[in-house]
Amino acid sequence: PLRTQMTLLDRQSSIATYMTSTALECKELAKNFGGVPAVSGLNLSIA
């Protein structure tokens, strides 16, 4: 304990960062079928 360099706050922050990091991100997705847009400029981010 006397040599510790990671405070409780640091540990909580590390855990929170892991739990809230991004699992999936879609940027400006587009897909057309026969010239008809099915998906257009789709943006999505999921933790």
All heavy atoms as atom14 arrays in JSON, in Angstrom:
{
  "sequence": "PLRTQMTLLDRQSSIATYMTSTALECKELAKNFGGVPAVSGLNLSIA",
  "atom14_mask": [
    [1, 1, 1, 1, 1, 1, 1, 0, 0, 0, 0, 0, 0, 0],
    [1, 1, 1, 1, 1, 1, 1, 1, 0, 0, 0, 0, 0, 0],
    [1, 1, 1, 1, 1, 1, 1, 1, 1, 1, 1, 0, 0, 0],
    [1, 1, 1, 1, 1, 1, 1, 0, 0, 0, 0, 0, 0, 0],
    [1, 1, 1, 1, 1, 1, 1, 1, 1, 0, 0, 0, 0, 0],
    [1, 1, 1, 1, 1, 1, 1, 1, 0, 0, 0, 0, 0, 0],
    [1, 1, 1, 1, 1, 1, 1, 0, 0, 0, 0, 0, 0, 0],
    [1, 1, 1, 1, 1, 1, 1, 1, 0, 0, 0, 0, 0, 0],
    [1, 1, 1, 1, 1, 1, 1, 1, 0, 0, 0, 0, 0, 0],
    [1, 1, 1, 1, 1, 1, 1, 1, 0, 0, 0, 0, 0, 0],
    [1, 1, 1, 1, 1, 1, 1, 1, 1, 1, 1, 0, 0, 0],
    [1, 1, 1, 1, 1, 1, 1, 1, 1, 0, 0, 0, 0, 0],
    [1, 1, 1, 1, 1, 1, 0, 0, 0, 0, 0, 0, 0, 0],
    [1, 1, 1, 1, 1, 1, 0, 0, 0, 0, 0, 0, 0, 0],
    [1, 1, 1, 1, 1, 1, 1, 1, 0, 0, 0, 0, 0, 0],
    [1, 1, 1, 1, 1, 0, 0, 0, 0, 0, 0, 0, 0, 0],
    [1, 1, 1, 1, 1, 1, 1, 0, 0, 0, 0, 0, 0, 0],
    [1, 1, 1, 1, 1, 1, 1, 1, 1, 1, 1, 1, 0, 0],
    [1, 1, 1, 1, 1, 1, 1, 1, 0, 0, 0, 0, 0, 0],
    [1, 1, 1, 1, 1, 1, 1, 0, 0, 0, 0, 0, 0, 0],
    [1, 1, 1, 1, 1, 1, 0, 0, 0, 0, 0, 0, 0, 0],
    [1, 1, 1, 1, 1, 1, 1, 0, 0, 0, 0, 0, 0, 0],
    [1, 1, 1, 1, 1, 0, 0, 0, 0, 0, 0, 0, 0, 0],
    [1, 1, 1, 1, 1, 1, 1, 1, 0, 0, 0, 0, 0, 0],
    [1, 1, 1, 1, 1, 1, 1, 1, 1, 0, 0, 0, 0, 0],
    [1, 1, 1, 1, 1, 1, 0, 0, 0, 0, 0, 0, 0, 0],
    [1, 1, 1, 1, 1, 1, 1, 1, 1, 0, 0, 0, 0, 0],
    [1, 1, 1, 1, 1, 1, 1, 1, 1, 0, 0, 0, 0, 0],
    [1, 1, 1, 1, 1, 1, 1, 1, 0, 0, 0, 0, 0, 0],
    [1, 1, 1, 1, 1, 0, 0, 0, 0, 0, 0, 0, 0, 0],
    [1, 1, 1, 1, 1, 1, 1, 1, 1, 0, 0, 0, 0, 0],
    [1, 1, 1, 1, 1, 1, 1, 1, 0, 0, 0, 0, 0, 0],
    [1, 1, 1, 1, 1, 1, 1, 1, 1, 1, 1, 0, 0, 0],
    [1, 1, 1, 1, 0, 0, 0, 0, 0, 0, 0, 0, 0, 0],
    [1, 1, 1, 1, 0, 0, 0, 0, 0, 0, 0, 0, 0, 0],
    [1, 1, 1, 1, 1, 1, 1, 0, 0, 0, 0, 0, 0, 0],
    [1, 1, 1, 1, 1, 1, 1, 0, 0, 0, 0, 0, 0, 0],
    [1, 1, 1, 1, 1, 0, 0, 0, 0, 0, 0, 0, 0, 0],
    [1, 1, 1, 1, 1, 1, 1, 0, 0, 0, 0, 0, 0, 0],
    [1, 1, 1, 1, 1, 1, 0, 0, 0, 0, 0, 0, 0, 0],
    [1, 1, 1, 1, 0, 0, 0, 0, 0, 0, 0, 0, 0, 0],
    [1, 1, 1, 1, 1, 1, 1, 1, 0, 0, 0, 0, 0, 0],
    [1, 1, 1, 1, 1, 1, 1, 1, 0, 0, 0, 0, 0, 0],
    [1, 1, 1, 1, 1, 1, 1, 1, 0, 0, 0, 0, 0, 0],
    [1, 1, 1, 1, 1, 1, 0, 0, 0, 0, 0, 0, 0, 0],
    [1, 1, 1, 1, 1, 1, 1, 1, 0, 0, 0, 0, 0, 0],
    [1, 1, 1, 1, 1, 0, 0, 0, 0, 0, 0, 0, 0, 0]
  ],
  "atom14_positions": [
    [[0.8, -1.21, 0.0], [0.0, 0.0, 0.0], [0.84, 1.28, 0.0], [0.46, 2.26, -0.62], [-0.82, -0.12, 1.29], [-0.89, -1.59, 1.55], [0.41, -2.13, 1.09], [0.0, 0.0, 0.0], [0.0, 0.0, 0.0], [0.0, 0.0, 0.0], [0.0, 0.0, 0.0], [0.0, 0.0, 0.0], [0.0, 0.0, 0.0], [0.0, 0.0, 0.0]],
    [[1.99, 1.26, 0.67], [2.79, 2.47, 0.74], [3.46, 2.79, -0.59], [3.86, 3.92, -0.84], [3.86, 2.34, 1.84], [3.31, 2.27, 3.26], [4.46, 2.05, 4.26], [2.56, 3.55, 3.6], [0.0, 0.0, 0.0], [0.0, 0.0, 0.0], [0.0, 0.0, 0.0], [0.0, 0.0, 0.0], [0.0, 0.0, 0.0], [0.0, 0.0, 0.0]],
    [[3.61, 1.76, -1.44], [4.27, 1.98, -2.72], [3.27, 2.19, -3.85], [3.66, 2.33, -5.0], [5.15, 0.77, -3.05], [6.32, 0.58, -2.1], [6.94, -0.78, -2.26], [7.29, -1.06, -3.66], [7.55, -2.28, -4.12], [7.46, -3.32, -3.31], [7.87, -2.45, -5.37], [0.0, 0.0, 0.0], [0.0, 0.0, 0.0], [0.0, 0.0, 0.0]],
    [[1.98, 2.18, -3.49], [0.98, 2.27, -4.55], [1.04, 3.6, -5.28], [1.25, 4.64, -4.67], [-0.44, 2.04, -4.01], [-1.33, 2.05, -5.12], [-0.88, 3.15, -3.06], [0.0, 0.0, 0.0], [0.0, 0.0, 0.0], [0.0, 0.0, 0.0], [0.0, 0.0, 0.0], [0.0, 0.0, 0.0], [0.0, 0.0, 0.0], [0.0, 0.0, 0.0]],
    [[0.91, 3.53, -6.6], [0.9, 4.74, -7.42], [-0.42, 4.88, -8.16], [-0.58, 5.77, -8.98], [2.06, 4.71, -8.42], [3.41, 4.73, -7.74], [4.54, 4.67, -8.76], [4.33, 4.89, -9.94], [5.73, 4.38, -8.28], [0.0, 0.0, 0.0], [0.0, 0.0, 0.0], [0.0, 0.0, 0.0], [0.0, 0.0, 0.0], [0.0, 0.0, 0.0]],
    [[-1.34, 3.95, -7.9], [-2.66, 4.04, -8.52], [-3.69, 4.27, -7.44], [-3.89, 3.43, -6.59], [-3.01, 2.75, -9.29], [-4.39, 2.79, -9.94], [-4.78, 1.27, -10.82], [-3.77, 1.47, -12.28], [0.0, 0.0, 0.0], [0.0, 0.0, 0.0], [0.0, 0.0, 0.0], [0.0, 0.0, 0.0], [0.0, 0.0, 0.0], [0.0, 0.0, 0.0]],
    [[-4.3, 5.41, -7.43], [-5.29, 5.72, -6.43], [-6.6, 5.03, -6.76], [-6.78, 4.49, -7.85], [-5.55, 7.25, -6.39], [-6.13, 7.63, -7.63], [-4.28, 8.02, -6.15], [0.0, 0.0, 0.0], [0.0, 0.0, 0.0], [0.0, 0.0, 0.0], [0.0, 0.0, 0.0], [0.0, 0.0, 0.0], [0.0, 0.0, 0.0], [0.0, 0.0, 0.0]],
    [[-7.51, 5.02, -5.79], [-8.83, 4.43, -6.02], [-9.51, 5.11, -7.19], [-10.14, 4.47, -8.02], [-9.68, 4.57, -4.76], [-11.13, 4.06, -4.86], [-11.14, 2.58, -5.21], [-11.89, 4.33, -3.56], [0.0, 0.0, 0.0], [0.0, 0.0, 0.0], [0.0, 0.0, 0.0], [0.0, 0.0, 0.0], [0.0, 0.0, 0.0], [0.0, 0.0, 0.0]],
    [[-9.34, 6.43, -7.28], [-9.95, 7.18, -8.38], [-9.37, 6.72, -9.71], [-10.09, 6.58, -10.7], [-9.71, 8.68, -8.19], [-10.34, 9.6, -9.24], [-11.86, 9.42, -9.24], [-9.97, 11.05, -8.97], [0.0, 0.0, 0.0], [0.0, 0.0, 0.0], [0.0, 0.0, 0.0], [0.0, 0.0, 0.0], [0.0, 0.0, 0.0], [0.0, 0.0, 0.0]],
    [[-8.05, 6.47, -9.75], [-7.42, 5.99, -10.97], [-8.0, 4.65, -11.39], [-8.28, 4.41, -12.57], [-5.9, 5.82, -10.78], [-5.2, 7.15, -10.6], [-5.68, 8.14, -11.15], [-4.17, 7.17, -9.9], [0.0, 0.0, 0.0], [0.0, 0.0, 0.0], [0.0, 0.0, 0.0], [0.0, 0.0, 0.0], [0.0, 0.0, 0.0], [0.0, 0.0, 0.0]],
    [[-8.19, 3.74, -10.42], [-8.74, 2.42, -10.73], [-10.16, 2.52, -11.26], [-10.54, 1.87, -12.22], [-8.69, 1.52, -9.48], [-7.27, 1.17, -9.05], [-7.28, -0.01, -8.09], [-7.95, 0.26, -6.84], [-7.36, 0.79, -5.78], [-6.08, 1.13, -5.83], [-8.04, 0.98, -4.66], [0.0, 0.0, 0.0], [0.0, 0.0, 0.0], [0.0, 0.0, 0.0]],
    [[-10.97, 3.38, -10.6], [-12.34, 3.56, -11.05], [-12.37, 4.14, -12.45], [-13.19, 3.75, -13.29], [-13.09, 4.47, -10.08], [-13.35, 3.83, -8.72], [-13.94, 4.8, -7.73], [-13.76, 6.01, -7.85], [-14.63, 4.28, -6.73], [0.0, 0.0, 0.0], [0.0, 0.0, 0.0], [0.0, 0.0, 0.0], [0.0, 0.0, 0.0], [0.0, 0.0, 0.0]],
    [[-11.46, 5.05, -12.72], [-11.4, 5.66, -14.05], [-11.02, 4.63, -15.1], [-11.58, 4.61, -16.19], [-10.38, 6.81, -14.05], [-10.26, 7.36, -15.35], [0.0, 0.0, 0.0], [0.0, 0.0, 0.0], [0.0, 0.0, 0.0], [0.0, 0.0, 0.0], [0.0, 0.0, 0.0], [0.0, 0.0, 0.0], [0.0, 0.0, 0.0], [0.0, 0.0, 0.0]],
    [[-10.07, 3.73, -14.77], [-9.65, 2.7, -15.72], [-10.8, 1.76, -16.05], [-11.02, 1.39, -17.19], [-8.48, 1.9, -15.15], [-7.36, 2.73, -14.95], [0.0, 0.0, 0.0], [0.0, 0.0, 0.0], [0.0, 0.0, 0.0], [0.0, 0.0, 0.0], [0.0, 0.0, 0.0], [0.0, 0.0, 0.0], [0.0, 0.0, 0.0], [0.0, 0.0, 0.0]],
    [[-11.54, 1.36, -15.0], [-12.68, 0.47, -15.2], [-13.75, 1.15, -16.02], [-14.31, 0.57, -16.97], [-13.25, 0.03, -13.83], [-12.21, -0.81, -13.09], [-14.53, -0.78, -14.01], [-12.56, -1.04, -11.63], [0.0, 0.0, 0.0], [0.0, 0.0, 0.0], [0.0, 0.0, 0.0], [0.0, 0.0, 0.0], [0.0, 0.0, 0.0], [0.0, 0.0, 0.0]],
    [[-14.04, 2.41, -15.7], [-15.07, 3.15, -16.43], [-14.7, 3.3, -17.89], [-15.54, 3.18, -18.78], [-15.29, 4.52, -15.79], [0.0, 0.0, 0.0], [0.0, 0.0, 0.0], [0.0, 0.0, 0.0], [0.0, 0.0, 0.0], [0.0, 0.0, 0.0], [0.0, 0.0, 0.0], [0.0, 0.0, 0.0], [0.0, 0.0, 0.0], [0.0, 0.0, 0.0]],
    [[-13.4, 3.55, -18.16], [-12.94, 3.69, -19.54], [-13.16, 2.41, -20.31], [-13.63, 2.41, -21.45], [-11.45, 4.06, -19.58], [-11.27, 5.32, -18.91], [-10.94, 4.17, -21.01], [0.0, 0.0, 0.0], [0.0, 0.0, 0.0], [0.0, 0.0, 0.0], [0.0, 0.0, 0.0], [0.0, 0.0, 0.0], [0.0, 0.0, 0.0], [0.0, 0.0, 0.0]],
    [[-12.85, 1.26, -19.68], [-13.06, -0.02, -20.35], [-14.54, -0.25, -20.65], [-14.92, -0.65, -21.74], [-12.52, -1.16, -19.48], [-12.77, -2.52, -20.08], [-11.92, -3.04, -21.04], [-13.88, -3.29, -19.71], [-12.14, -4.28, -21.6], [-14.11, -4.52, -20.27], [-13.23, -5.0, -21.21], [-13.48, -6.22, -21.78], [0.0, 0.0, 0.0], [0.0, 0.0, 0.0]],
    [[-15.38, 0.02, -19.65], [-16.8, -0.28, -19.79], [-17.5, 0.64, -20.76], [-18.53, 0.29, -21.3], [-17.48, -0.21, -18.42], [-17.01, -1.27, -17.43], [-17.36, -2.95, -17.98], [-19.14, -2.98, -17.79], [0.0, 0.0, 0.0], [0.0, 0.0, 0.0], [0.0, 0.0, 0.0], [0.0, 0.0, 0.0], [0.0, 0.0, 0.0], [0.0, 0.0, 0.0]],
    [[-16.97, 1.87, -20.97], [-17.65, 2.82, -21.83], [-16.96, 3.01, -23.17], [-17.35, 3.87, -23.94], [-17.77, 4.19, -21.13], [-16.45, 4.67, -20.81], [-18.59, 4.08, -19.86], [0.0, 0.0, 0.0], [0.0, 0.0, 0.0], [0.0, 0.0, 0.0], [0.0, 0.0, 0.0], [0.0, 0.0, 0.0], [0.0, 0.0, 0.0], [0.0, 0.0, 0.0]],
    [[-15.91, 2.24, -23.46], [-15.24, 2.38, -24.74], [-16.17, 1.9, -25.85], [-17.1, 1.14, -25.64], [-13.93, 1.58, -24.74], [-14.18, 0.22, -24.45], [0.0, 0.0, 0.0], [0.0, 0.0, 0.0], [0.0, 0.0, 0.0], [0.0, 0.0, 0.0], [0.0, 0.0, 0.0], [0.0, 0.0, 0.0], [0.0, 0.0, 0.0], [0.0, 0.0, 0.0]],
    [[-15.88, 2.36, -27.06], [-16.76, 2.11, -28.19], [-16.61, 0.69, -28.72], [-15.49, 0.24, -28.99], [-16.46, 3.12, -29.31], [-16.64, 4.45, -28.8], [-17.4, 2.92, -30.49], [0.0, 0.0, 0.0], [0.0, 0.0, 0.0], [0.0, 0.0, 0.0], [0.0, 0.0, 0.0], [0.0, 0.0, 0.0], [0.0, 0.0, 0.0], [0.0, 0.0, 0.0]],
    [[-17.73, 0.0, -28.87], [-17.71, -1.37, -29.43], [-17.93, -1.35, -30.93], [-17.39, -2.18, -31.66], [-18.79, -2.22, -28.76], [0.0, 0.0, 0.0], [0.0, 0.0, 0.0], [0.0, 0.0, 0.0], [0.0, 0.0, 0.0], [0.0, 0.0, 0.0], [0.0, 0.0, 0.0], [0.0, 0.0, 0.0], [0.0, 0.0, 0.0], [0.0, 0.0, 0.0]],
    [[-18.75, -0.4, -31.4], [-19.09, -0.33, -32.82], [-19.23, 1.12, -33.24], [-19.85, 1.92, -32.53], [-20.39, -1.09, -33.1], [-21.0, -0.9, -34.5], [-20.15, -1.6, -35.55], [-22.43, -1.43, -34.53], [0.0, 0.0, 0.0], [0.0, 0.0, 0.0], [0.0, 0.0, 0.0], [0.0, 0.0, 0.0], [0.0, 0.0, 0.0], [0.0, 0.0, 0.0]],
    [[-18.69, 1.43, -34.4], [-18.86, 2.77, -34.95], [-19.07, 2.67, -36.46], [-18.32, 1.99, -37.15], [-17.66, 3.64, -34.64], [-17.87, 5.11, -34.98], [-16.79, 6.0, -34.42], [-15.76, 5.47, -33.96], [-16.96, 7.23, -34.46], [0.0, 0.0, 0.0], [0.0, 0.0, 0.0], [0.0, 0.0, 0.0], [0.0, 0.0, 0.0], [0.0, 0.0, 0.0]],
    [[-20.11, 3.34, -36.93], [-20.38, 3.43, -38.37], [-20.31, 4.9, -38.77], [-20.91, 5.75, -38.1], [-21.76, 2.88, -38.71], [-22.0, 1.15, -38.27], [0.0, 0.0, 0.0], [0.0, 0.0, 0.0], [0.0, 0.0, 0.0], [0.0, 0.0, 0.0], [0.0, 0.0, 0.0], [0.0, 0.0, 0.0], [0.0, 0.0, 0.0], [0.0, 0.0, 0.0]],
    [[-19.58, 5.19, -39.84], [-19.4, 6.57, -40.27], [-19.83, 6.72, -41.72], [-19.27, 6.09, -42.61], [-17.94, 7.0, -40.12], [-17.36, 6.84, -38.72], [-15.87, 7.15, -38.71], [-15.24, 6.88, -37.37], [-13.77, 7.1, -37.39], [0.0, 0.0, 0.0], [0.0, 0.0, 0.0], [0.0, 0.0, 0.0], [0.0, 0.0, 0.0], [0.0, 0.0, 0.0]],
    [[-20.85, 7.54, -41.93], [-21.31, 7.91, -43.27], [-21.54, 6.69, -44.17], [-21.18, 6.69, -45.35], [-20.32, 8.87, -43.94], [-20.21, 10.22, -43.25], [-21.54, 11.0, -43.29], [-22.24, 10.92, -44.32], [-21.86, 11.68, -42.3], [0.0, 0.0, 0.0], [0.0, 0.0, 0.0], [0.0, 0.0, 0.0], [0.0, 0.0, 0.0], [0.0, 0.0, 0.0]],
    [[-22.19, 5.66, -43.62], [-22.47, 4.46, -44.42], [-23.52, 4.76, -45.48], [-24.52, 5.45, -45.22], [-22.98, 3.33, -43.53], [-21.98, 2.52, -42.72], [-22.69, 1.33, -42.09], [-20.82, 2.06, -43.57], [0.0, 0.0, 0.0], [0.0, 0.0, 0.0], [0.0, 0.0, 0.0], [0.0, 0.0, 0.0], [0.0, 0.0, 0.0], [0.0, 0.0, 0.0]],
    [[-23.3, 4.21, -46.67], [-24.28, 4.36, -47.75], [-24.34, 3.06, -48.55], [-23.33, 2.4, -48.77], [-23.9, 5.52, -48.66], [0.0, 0.0, 0.0], [0.0, 0.0, 0.0], [0.0, 0.0, 0.0], [0.0, 0.0, 0.0], [0.0, 0.0, 0.0], [0.0, 0.0, 0.0], [0.0, 0.0, 0.0], [0.0, 0.0, 0.0], [0.0, 0.0, 0.0]],
    [[-25.56, 2.72, -48.98], [-25.76, 1.54, -49.81], [-26.95, 1.76, -50.72], [-28.05, 2.1, -50.27], [-26.0, 0.3, -48.93], [-26.22, -0.99, -49.71], [-24.97, -1.41, -50.46], [-25.15, -2.72, -51.23], [-23.93, -3.09, -51.99], [0.0, 0.0, 0.0], [0.0, 0.0, 0.0], [0.0, 0.0, 0.0], [0.0, 0.0, 0.0], [0.0, 0.0, 0.0]],
    [[-26.73, 1.59, -52.02], [-27.79, 1.71, -53.02], [-28.06, 0.35, -53.65], [-27.14, -0.46, -53.81], [-27.4, 2.7, -54.12], [-27.25, 4.12, -53.61], [-27.78, 4.45, -52.55], [-26.53, 4.94, -54.34], [0.0, 0.0, 0.0], [0.0, 0.0, 0.0], [0.0, 0.0, 0.0], [0.0, 0.0, 0.0], [0.0, 0.0, 0.0], [0.0, 0.0, 0.0]],
    [[-29.31, 0.14, -54.01], [-29.69, -1.05, -54.77], [-30.39, -0.58, -56.04], [-31.47, 0.02, -55.97], [-30.62, -1.96, -53.96], [-29.95, -2.59, -52.76], [-30.17, -2.1, -51.49], [-29.11, -3.69, -52.92], [-29.57, -2.69, -50.38], [-28.5, -4.28, -51.82], [-28.72, -3.78, -50.56], [0.0, 0.0, 0.0], [0.0, 0.0, 0.0], [0.0, 0.0, 0.0]],
    [[-29.75, -0.82, -57.18], [-30.34, -0.38, -58.44], [-30.54, 1.12, -58.5], [-31.52, 1.6, -59.1], [0.0, 0.0, 0.0], [0.0, 0.0, 0.0], [0.0, 0.0, 0.0], [0.0, 0.0, 0.0], [0.0, 0.0, 0.0], [0.0, 0.0, 0.0], [0.0, 0.0, 0.0], [0.0, 0.0, 0.0], [0.0, 0.0, 0.0], [0.0, 0.0, 0.0]],
    [[-29.63, 1.86, -57.91], [-29.72, 3.32, -57.92], [-30.63, 3.89, -56.86], [-30.73, 5.12, -56.71], [0.0, 0.0, 0.0], [0.0, 0.0, 0.0], [0.0, 0.0, 0.0], [0.0, 0.0, 0.0], [0.0, 0.0, 0.0], [0.0, 0.0, 0.0], [0.0, 0.0, 0.0], [0.0, 0.0, 0.0], [0.0, 0.0, 0.0], [0.0, 0.0, 0.0]],
    [[-31.31, 3.02, -56.1], [-32.22, 3.48, -55.04], [-31.48, 3.38, -53.7], [-31.03, 2.29, -53.32], [-33.51, 2.63, -54.99], [-34.41, 3.1, -53.85], [-34.23, 2.7, -56.32], [0.0, 0.0, 0.0], [0.0, 0.0, 0.0], [0.0, 0.0, 0.0], [0.0, 0.0, 0.0], [0.0, 0.0, 0.0], [0.0, 0.0, 0.0], [0.0, 0.0, 0.0]],
    [[-31.36, 4.5, -52.96], [-30.63, 4.44, -51.68], [-31.42, 3.69, -50.61], [-32.58, 3.97, -50.36], [-30.46, 5.92, -51.31], [-31.53, 6.65, -52.05], [-31.78, 5.87, -53.3], [0.0, 0.0, 0.0], [0.0, 0.0, 0.0], [0.0, 0.0, 0.0], [0.0, 0.0, 0.0], [0.0, 0.0, 0.0], [0.0, 0.0, 0.0], [0.0, 0.0, 0.0]],
    [[-30.76, 2.7, -50.0], [-31.36, 1.98, -48.87], [-30.82, 2.52, -47.56], [-31.54, 2.61, -46.56], [-31.06, 0.48, -48.98], [0.0, 0.0, 0.0], [0.0, 0.0, 0.0], [0.0, 0.0, 0.0], [0.0, 0.0, 0.0], [0.0, 0.0, 0.0], [0.0, 0.0, 0.0], [0.0, 0.0, 0.0], [0.0, 0.0, 0.0], [0.0, 0.0, 0.0]],
    [[-29.52, 2.86, -47.55], [-28.88, 3.5, -46.4], [-28.11, 4.7, -46.94], [-27.41, 4.59, -47.94], [-27.92, 2.52, -45.68], [-27.11, 3.25, -44.62], [-28.7, 1.38, -45.04], [0.0, 0.0, 0.0], [0.0, 0.0, 0.0], [0.0, 0.0, 0.0], [0.0, 0.0, 0.0], [0.0, 0.0, 0.0], [0.0, 0.0, 0.0], [0.0, 0.0, 0.0]],
    [[-28.25, 5.83, -46.27], [-27.66, 7.06, -46.79], [-27.08, 7.9, -45.65], [-27.82, 8.44, -44.83], [-28.71, 7.86, -47.56], [-28.17, 9.06, -48.06], [0.0, 0.0, 0.0], [0.0, 0.0, 0.0], [0.0, 0.0, 0.0], [0.0, 0.0, 0.0], [0.0, 0.0, 0.0], [0.0, 0.0, 0.0], [0.0, 0.0, 0.0], [0.0, 0.0, 0.0]],
    [[-25.75, 7.99, -45.59], [-25.1, 8.83, -44.59], [-25.38, 8.4, -43.17], [-25.56, 9.23, -42.27], [0.0, 0.0, 0.0], [0.0, 0.0, 0.0], [0.0, 0.0, 0.0], [0.0, 0.0, 0.0], [0.0, 0.0, 0.0], [0.0, 0.0, 0.0], [0.0, 0.0, 0.0], [0.0, 0.0, 0.0], [0.0, 0.0, 0.0], [0.0, 0.0, 0.0]],
    [[-25.39, 7.08, -42.91], [-25.73, 6.58, -41.58], [-24.53, 6.68, -40.65], [-23.43, 6.2, -40.97], [-26.2, 5.13, -41.68], [-26.72, 4.5, -40.37], [-27.93, 3.63, -40.66], [-25.63, 3.65, -39.71], [0.0, 0.0, 0.0], [0.0, 0.0, 0.0], [0.0, 0.0, 0.0], [0.0, 0.0, 0.0], [0.0, 0.0, 0.0], [0.0, 0.0, 0.0]],
    [[-24.73, 7.29, -39.49], [-23.71, 7.4, -38.46], [-24.23, 6.78, -37.17], [-25.35, 7.08, -36.75], [-23.33, 8.86, -38.22], [-22.62, 9.47, -39.41], [-21.46, 9.18, -39.68], [-23.33, 10.31, -40.16], [0.0, 0.0, 0.0], [0.0, 0.0, 0.0], [0.0, 0.0, 0.0], [0.0, 0.0, 0.0], [0.0, 0.0, 0.0], [0.0, 0.0, 0.0]],
    [[-23.42, 5.93, -36.55], [-23.86, 5.21, -35.36], [-22.65, 4.88, -34.5], [-21.59, 4.52, -35.0], [-24.54, 3.91, -35.8], [-25.57, 3.24, -34.88], [-26.71, 4.2, -34.58], [-26.1, 1.98, -35.54], [0.0, 0.0, 0.0], [0.0, 0.0, 0.0], [0.0, 0.0, 0.0], [0.0, 0.0, 0.0], [0.0, 0.0, 0.0], [0.0, 0.0, 0.0]],
    [[-22.81, 5.04, -33.18], [-21.74, 4.69, -32.25], [-22.36, 4.02, -31.04], [-23.32, 4.53, -30.45], [-20.98, 5.95, -31.83], [-19.92, 5.61, -30.94], [0.0, 0.0, 0.0], [0.0, 0.0, 0.0], [0.0, 0.0, 0.0], [0.0, 0.0, 0.0], [0.0, 0.0, 0.0], [0.0, 0.0, 0.0], [0.0, 0.0, 0.0], [0.0, 0.0, 0.0]],
    [[-21.81, 2.85, -30.66], [-22.37, 2.08, -29.55], [-21.26, 1.75, -28.56], [-20.19, 1.25, -28.95], [-23.02, 0.77, -30.05], [-24.01, 1.06, -31.18], [-23.73, 0.06, -28.92], [-24.56, -0.17, -31.83], [0.0, 0.0, 0.0], [0.0, 0.0, 0.0], [0.0, 0.0, 0.0], [0.0, 0.0, 0.0], [0.0, 0.0, 0.0], [0.0, 0.0, 0.0]],
    [[-21.51, 2.0, -27.28], [-20.53, 1.71, -26.24], [-20.55, 0.22, -25.89], [-21.56, -0.46, -26.11], [-20.82, 2.54, -25.0], [0.0, 0.0, 0.0], [0.0, 0.0, 0.0], [0.0, 0.0, 0.0], [0.0, 0.0, 0.0], [0.0, 0.0, 0.0], [0.0, 0.0, 0.0], [0.0, 0.0, 0.0], [0.0, 0.0, 0.0], [0.0, 0.0, 0.0]]
  ]
}
